[in-house]
Protein backbone atom coordinates (compact mmCIF):
# COMPACT_ATOMS: atom_id res chain seq x y z
CA MET A 1 84.69 81.34 79.73
CA ALA A 2 86.78 81.36 76.89
CA LYS A 3 90.34 80.87 77.20
CA LEU A 4 93.45 82.04 75.26
CA THR A 5 95.65 79.86 72.62
CA THR A 6 98.46 80.45 71.36
CA LYS A 7 100.03 79.41 68.17
CA GLN A 8 104.02 79.39 66.73
CA ALA A 9 106.22 81.33 68.46
CA GLY A 10 104.13 82.56 71.42
CA ALA A 11 101.44 84.38 69.49
CA LYS A 12 98.48 84.96 70.96
CA VAL A 13 94.82 84.17 69.30
CA ALA A 14 91.72 85.97 70.08
CA PRO A 15 89.65 83.50 72.08
CA LYS A 16 86.83 81.87 70.32
CA PRO A 17 83.30 83.42 71.42
CA SER A 18 81.24 81.80 74.18
CA THR A 19 78.87 78.91 72.94
CA GLU A 20 75.30 77.18 74.75
CA ASN A 21 77.86 74.64 75.77
CA ASP A 22 80.09 76.70 77.64
CA ALA A 23 76.87 77.51 80.13
CA GLU A 24 76.00 74.11 80.29
CA LYS A 25 79.26 72.76 81.30
CA LYS A 26 79.43 75.55 84.09
CA SER A 27 78.50 74.62 87.88
CA SER A 28 74.74 76.17 89.25
CA THR A 29 76.84 77.86 91.67
CA GLN A 30 78.81 79.44 89.10
CA ARG A 31 76.00 80.70 86.86
CA ILE A 32 74.50 82.01 89.85
CA PHE A 33 77.94 84.17 91.09
CA GLY A 34 79.37 84.24 88.36
CA ALA A 35 82.90 82.45 87.74
CA LYS A 36 85.49 85.07 89.26
CA VAL A 37 83.02 84.82 92.70
CA MET A 38 83.72 81.42 92.49
CA ASP A 39 87.29 81.48 92.04
CA HIS A 40 88.24 82.63 95.24
CA GLY A 41 86.41 79.13 96.74
CA TYR A 42 83.14 78.30 98.66
CA THR A 43 82.16 76.27 101.75
CA ALA A 44 80.04 73.12 101.80
CA LEU A 45 77.08 73.49 104.54
CA PRO A 46 75.00 70.51 104.37
CA ASN A 47 71.07 71.40 104.30
CA ILE A 48 70.43 69.56 107.21
CA LEU A 49 72.60 71.95 109.36
CA MET A 50 70.93 75.20 107.92
CA ARG A 51 67.47 73.46 108.45
CA GLY A 52 67.77 71.75 111.36
CA GLN A 53 69.42 74.46 113.21
CA LYS A 54 67.14 75.19 115.81
CA ARG A 55 67.16 71.38 115.98
CA LEU A 56 70.64 71.59 116.99
CA GLY A 57 69.94 74.53 119.44
CA ILE A 58 72.32 76.69 118.13
CA SER A 59 71.84 80.40 118.00
CA THR A 60 72.63 82.51 114.37
CA THR A 61 75.71 83.43 115.91
CA GLN A 62 76.69 79.92 116.86
CA PHE A 63 75.53 79.13 113.28
CA ASN A 64 78.45 81.15 112.14
CA ILE A 65 81.11 80.41 113.63
CA VAL A 66 80.45 76.34 112.47
CA ALA A 67 79.70 78.14 108.81
CA GLN A 68 83.63 80.21 109.81
CA LEU A 69 85.14 76.88 110.67
CA MET A 70 83.86 74.74 108.28
CA SER A 71 85.40 77.16 105.58
CA TYR A 72 88.72 76.54 106.84
CA TRP A 73 88.10 72.71 106.89
CA PHE A 74 89.72 71.03 103.74
CA ASP A 75 90.82 67.81 105.16
CA PRO A 76 88.65 65.24 107.68
CA ALA A 77 91.68 64.30 109.01
CA ARG A 78 92.95 68.15 110.07
CA PRO A 79 90.80 69.89 111.81
CA PRO A 80 90.63 73.69 111.48
CA PHE A 81 93.21 76.01 113.90
CA PRO A 82 92.00 79.70 112.75
CA SER A 83 92.97 82.22 115.57
CA LYS A 84 90.34 83.94 117.67
CA ARG A 85 91.51 87.25 116.01
CA ASP A 86 90.53 85.77 112.84
CA LEU A 87 87.09 84.69 113.14
CA ALA A 88 86.14 87.50 115.02
CA GLN A 89 86.92 89.87 112.72
CA ARG A 90 84.97 87.97 109.61
CA MET A 91 81.79 87.99 111.84
CA GLY A 92 82.46 91.65 112.85
CA ILE A 93 81.91 90.35 117.34
CA THR A 94 84.69 90.33 119.99
CA GLU A 95 87.17 88.44 120.48
CA GLN A 96 85.21 87.39 124.25
CA THR A 97 81.13 86.95 122.33
CA LEU A 98 83.18 84.47 120.46
CA ARG A 99 84.72 82.38 123.16
CA ILE A 100 81.11 82.75 124.73
CA ASN A 101 79.51 81.08 121.76
CA ILE A 102 82.32 78.83 121.37
CA LYS A 103 82.20 77.48 124.76
CA ALA A 104 78.31 76.82 124.45
CA LEU A 105 79.25 74.51 121.08
CA GLU A 106 81.46 72.87 123.03
CA GLU A 107 79.07 72.36 125.80
CA ARG A 108 76.75 70.73 123.25
CA GLY A 109 79.69 68.70 122.34
CA LEU A 110 79.31 70.21 118.65
CA VAL A 111 82.70 71.49 118.75
CA LYS A 112 85.82 70.51 120.83
CA ARG A 113 88.44 72.91 121.16
CA GLU A 114 92.32 71.42 121.68
CA GLN A 115 94.80 73.87 122.50
CA TRP A 116 97.70 73.56 120.38
CA LYS A 117 101.42 73.99 120.85
CA THR A 118 103.65 75.38 118.20
CA ALA A 119 107.16 73.20 117.31
CA ALA A 120 109.08 75.95 119.62
CA GLY A 121 106.59 75.06 122.65
CA ASP A 122 104.16 78.38 121.83
CA TYR A 123 100.49 78.44 122.01
CA GLY A 124 99.47 78.67 118.63
CA SER A 125 95.53 78.69 117.71
CA ASN A 126 93.42 76.20 118.98
CA ARG A 127 92.69 73.16 116.58
CA TYR A 128 88.65 72.84 116.69
CA HIS A 129 87.22 69.40 115.79
CA LEU A 130 83.85 69.33 114.60
CA ASP A 131 83.17 65.26 115.21
CA GLY A 132 80.46 65.60 117.51
CA LEU A 133 78.29 68.31 115.04
CA VAL A 134 79.22 65.41 111.86
CA LYS A 135 77.69 62.84 114.87
CA ALA A 136 75.08 65.10 115.48
CA LEU A 137 73.98 66.44 111.38
CA ARG A 138 74.17 61.92 111.01
CA LYS A 139 71.69 61.72 113.46
CA LEU A 140 68.75 64.44 112.41
CA GLU A 141 69.45 62.95 108.58
CA PRO A 142 66.55 59.53 109.04
CA ASP A 143 64.31 62.83 110.24
CA PHE A 144 64.69 64.54 107.35
CA ASP A 145 64.49 61.60 105.46
CA GLU A 146 60.89 60.94 106.59
CA GLU A 147 59.68 64.31 106.26
CA ARG A 148 60.78 63.95 102.47
CA LYS A 149 58.55 61.37 102.22
CA GLU A 150 55.90 62.69 103.92
CA ARG A 151 56.14 65.62 101.62
CA ARG A 152 56.57 63.55 99.03
CA GLN A 153 53.41 61.23 99.66
CA SER A 154 51.15 64.23 101.01
CA THR A 155 51.92 65.86 97.20
CA THR A 156 51.32 62.76 95.86
CA LEU A 157 47.64 62.73 98.01
CA THR A 158 46.61 66.23 97.40
CA GLU A 159 47.33 65.79 93.29
CA LYS A 160 44.27 64.72 91.74
CA PRO A 161 44.47 61.62 89.23
CA ASN A 162 45.87 62.57 85.97
CA ALA A 163 45.42 66.05 87.00
CA ARG A 164 48.97 67.17 84.86
CA ALA A 165 48.55 64.78 81.61
CA ASN A 166 44.51 66.32 81.42
CA ALA A 167 46.38 69.83 81.78
CA ARG A 168 48.36 68.89 79.30
CA ASN A 169 45.50 67.75 76.59
CA THR A 170 43.79 70.24 77.24
CA LYS A 171 46.08 72.83 76.22
CA GLY A 172 46.50 71.46 72.85
CA LYS A 173 42.37 71.45 72.17
CA THR A 174 41.89 73.59 68.93
CA ASP A 175 38.52 71.33 67.63
CA GLY A 176 35.82 73.64 69.72
CA SER A 177 35.14 70.95 71.52
CA PRO A 178 34.54 71.41 75.56
CA GLU A 179 36.90 70.66 77.77
């Protein structure tokens, strides 16, 4: 993205044209979604969470709740505390459906609700501790690591010896000799 530069007395100068180097500086998510979309932030979801959803025993609604909670989680030492109303509105579900599914996540040990009181003594939004989810994902990681090793080994075994090198060499032949 080109930036405006200023000269003496605050006069604005036209932006420099974009170059191929600008594209190289952008992250893959910026290249996919665009800088304007990414300027609104993003939520990091571990692939093991997405691929391990069934193993964790969580429904699609529960997965969405976890993803929504993670979008509020900026600091590992400070658990997210969105209101149930905000979460339900974001997801297009009722607060009752939200409570039922959070309770199921809590029963699985993935989420822990903490009733929070404000400085005035009023009840505030729940704090949602995701330590159980983090622990469950770390426990799954060795299985996923082993599966990755098996996939790589399987790929290696199914390839013919020198198949890639032979393919490159035969493409360049122009002497009319048989392959």
